[in-house]
C-alpha atoms as a PDB file:
ATOM      1  CA  MET A   1     100.527 152.374  74.228  1.00  0.00           C
ATOM      2  CA  ASN A   2     103.426 154.350  75.152  1.00  0.00           C
ATOM      3  CA  ILE A   3     104.117 157.311  72.828  1.00  0.00           C
ATOM      4  CA  PRO A   4     107.853 158.495  72.787  1.00  0.00           C
ATOM      5  CA  THR A   5     108.929 162.054  72.915  1.00  0.00           C
ATOM      6  CA  GLN A   6     110.704 163.651  69.920  1.00  0.00           C
ATOM      7  CA  LYS A   7     114.054 163.233  71.802  1.00  0.00           C
ATOM      8  CA  GLU A   8     113.243 159.560  72.445  1.00  0.00           C
ATOM      9  CA  LEU A   9     112.401 159.122  68.674  1.00  0.00           C
ATOM     10  CA  LYS A  10     115.576 160.719  67.672  1.00  0.00           C
ATOM     11  CA  ASP A  11     117.479 158.449  70.124  1.00  0.00           C
ATOM     12  CA  LEU A  12     115.661 155.287  68.831  1.00  0.00           C
ATOM     13  CA  ARG A  13     116.496 156.185  65.217  1.00  0.00           C
ATOM     14  CA  ARG A  14     120.158 156.652  66.069  1.00  0.00           C
ATOM     15  CA  LYS A  15     120.308 153.392  67.964  1.00  0.00           C
ATOM     16  CA  TYR A  16     118.444 151.344  65.402  1.00  0.00           C
ATOM     17  CA  PRO A  17     119.315 152.662  61.910  1.00  0.00           C
ATOM     18  CA  LYS A  18     118.185 150.849  58.877  1.00  0.00           C
ATOM     19  CA  GLU A  19     119.899 147.448  58.372  1.00  0.00           C
ATOM     20  CA  THR A  20     120.741 147.136  62.151  1.00  0.00           C
ATOM     21  CA  LYS A  21     120.624 143.415  63.124  1.00  0.00           C
ATOM     22  CA  VAL A  22     118.644 142.553  66.281  1.00  0.00           C
ATOM     23  CA  CYS A  23     117.568 139.606  68.315  1.00  0.00           C
ATOM     24  CA  LEU A  24     114.080 139.404  69.939  1.00  0.00           C
ATOM     25  CA  LEU A  25     114.183 139.228  73.705  1.00  0.00           C
ATOM     26  CA  LYS A  26     110.401 139.756  74.586  1.00  0.00           C
ATOM     27  CA  MET A  27     107.236 140.269  72.689  1.00  0.00           C
ATOM     28  CA  GLU A  28     104.063 140.763  74.568  1.00  0.00           C
ATOM     29  CA  ASP A  29     100.371 141.536  73.573  1.00  0.00           C
ATOM     30  CA  ASP A  30     100.467 139.742  70.278  1.00  0.00           C
ATOM     31  CA  PRO A  31      98.344 136.657  69.735  1.00  0.00           C
ATOM     32  CA  PHE A  32     101.031 135.295  67.261  1.00  0.00           C
ATOM     33  CA  PRO A  33     104.326 136.588  68.427  1.00  0.00           C
ATOM     34  CA  VAL A  34     107.718 136.068  66.897  1.00  0.00           C
ATOM     35  CA  PRO A  35     109.538 133.545  68.898  1.00  0.00           C
ATOM     36  CA  VAL A  36     112.082 134.843  71.376  1.00  0.00           C
ATOM     37  CA  GLY A  37     115.579 134.443  70.075  1.00  0.00           C
ATOM     38  CA  THR A  38     114.655 135.144  66.544  1.00  0.00           C
ATOM     39  CA  PHE A  39     116.952 137.444  64.595  1.00  0.00           C
ATOM     40  CA  GLY A  40     115.884 140.268  62.259  1.00  0.00           C
ATOM     41  CA  VAL A  41     116.833 143.383  60.445  1.00  0.00           C
ATOM     42  CA  VAL A  42     115.555 146.801  61.146  1.00  0.00           C
ATOM     43  CA  ASN A  43     113.772 148.533  58.254  1.00  0.00           C
ATOM     44  CA  GLY A  44     113.114 151.800  60.238  1.00  0.00           C
ATOM     45  CA  VAL A  45     111.406 153.365  63.235  1.00  0.00           C
ATOM     46  CA  ASP A  46     108.000 154.799  62.795  1.00  0.00           C
ATOM     47  CA  ASP A  47     106.534 157.889  64.540  1.00  0.00           C
ATOM     48  CA  THR A  48     105.220 155.834  67.412  1.00  0.00           C
ATOM     49  CA  GLY A  49     108.645 154.407  68.096  1.00  0.00           C
ATOM     50  CA  SER A  50     107.909 151.098  66.783  1.00  0.00           C
ATOM     51  CA  LEU A  51     110.830 149.117  65.061  1.00  0.00           C
ATOM     52  CA  LEU A  52     109.829 147.941  61.677  1.00  0.00           C
ATOM     53  CA  ILE A  53     111.591 144.632  61.419  1.00  0.00           C
ATOM     54  CA  SER A  54     111.982 141.832  58.849  1.00  0.00           C
ATOM     55  CA  TRP A  55     112.496 138.619  60.823  1.00  0.00           C
ATOM     56  CA  GLN A  56     114.653 135.604  59.661  1.00  0.00           C
ATOM     57  CA  ASN A  57     111.480 133.478  59.705  1.00  0.00           C
ATOM     58  CA  GLY A  58     109.959 135.577  56.897  1.00  0.00           C
ATOM     59  CA  ARG A  59     107.546 137.559  59.088  1.00  0.00           C
ATOM     60  CA  SER A  60     107.427 141.439  59.267  1.00  0.00           C
ATOM     61  CA  LEU A  61     106.097 142.238  62.806  1.00  0.00           C
ATOM     62  CA  ASN A  62     106.798 145.526  64.546  1.00  0.00           C
ATOM     63  CA  VAL A  63     108.568 145.697  67.911  1.00  0.00           C
ATOM     64  CA  LEU A  64     106.408 148.046  69.980  1.00  0.00           C
ATOM     65  CA  TYR A  65     107.947 150.952  71.904  1.00  0.00           C
ATOM     66  CA  GLY A  66     107.863 150.350  75.629  1.00  0.00           C
ATOM     67  CA  ILE A  67     106.398 146.949  75.243  1.00  0.00           C
ATOM     68  CA  ASP A  68     108.593 144.659  73.341  1.00  0.00           C
ATOM     69  CA  LEU A  69     112.388 144.196  73.611  1.00  0.00           C
ATOM     70  CA  VAL A  70     115.209 143.578  71.196  1.00  0.00           C
ATOM     71  CA  GLU A  71     118.887 143.737  71.430  1.00  0.00           C
ATOM     72  CA  VAL A  72     121.458 144.780  68.787  1.00  0.00           C
ATOM     73  CA  VAL A  73     123.468 141.967  67.336  1.00  0.00           C
ATOM     74  CA  GLU A  74     127.082 142.873  66.330  1.00  0.00           C
END
């Protein structure tokens, strides 16, 4: 697992503030991943850089820093 620096955490929290809408592009290393293309809302960023997300399909599965990938949806 990649651990972000304090600067990277600050940048992540600025890029993904609470209520940011995102779309999942890639999720690895999870036996039951959220399907690619699923939309969600960011609830926060934890100290490991993981995005805490509530997905449109009712799941709450984190996006792992340096492993998974989302894009911001306007």
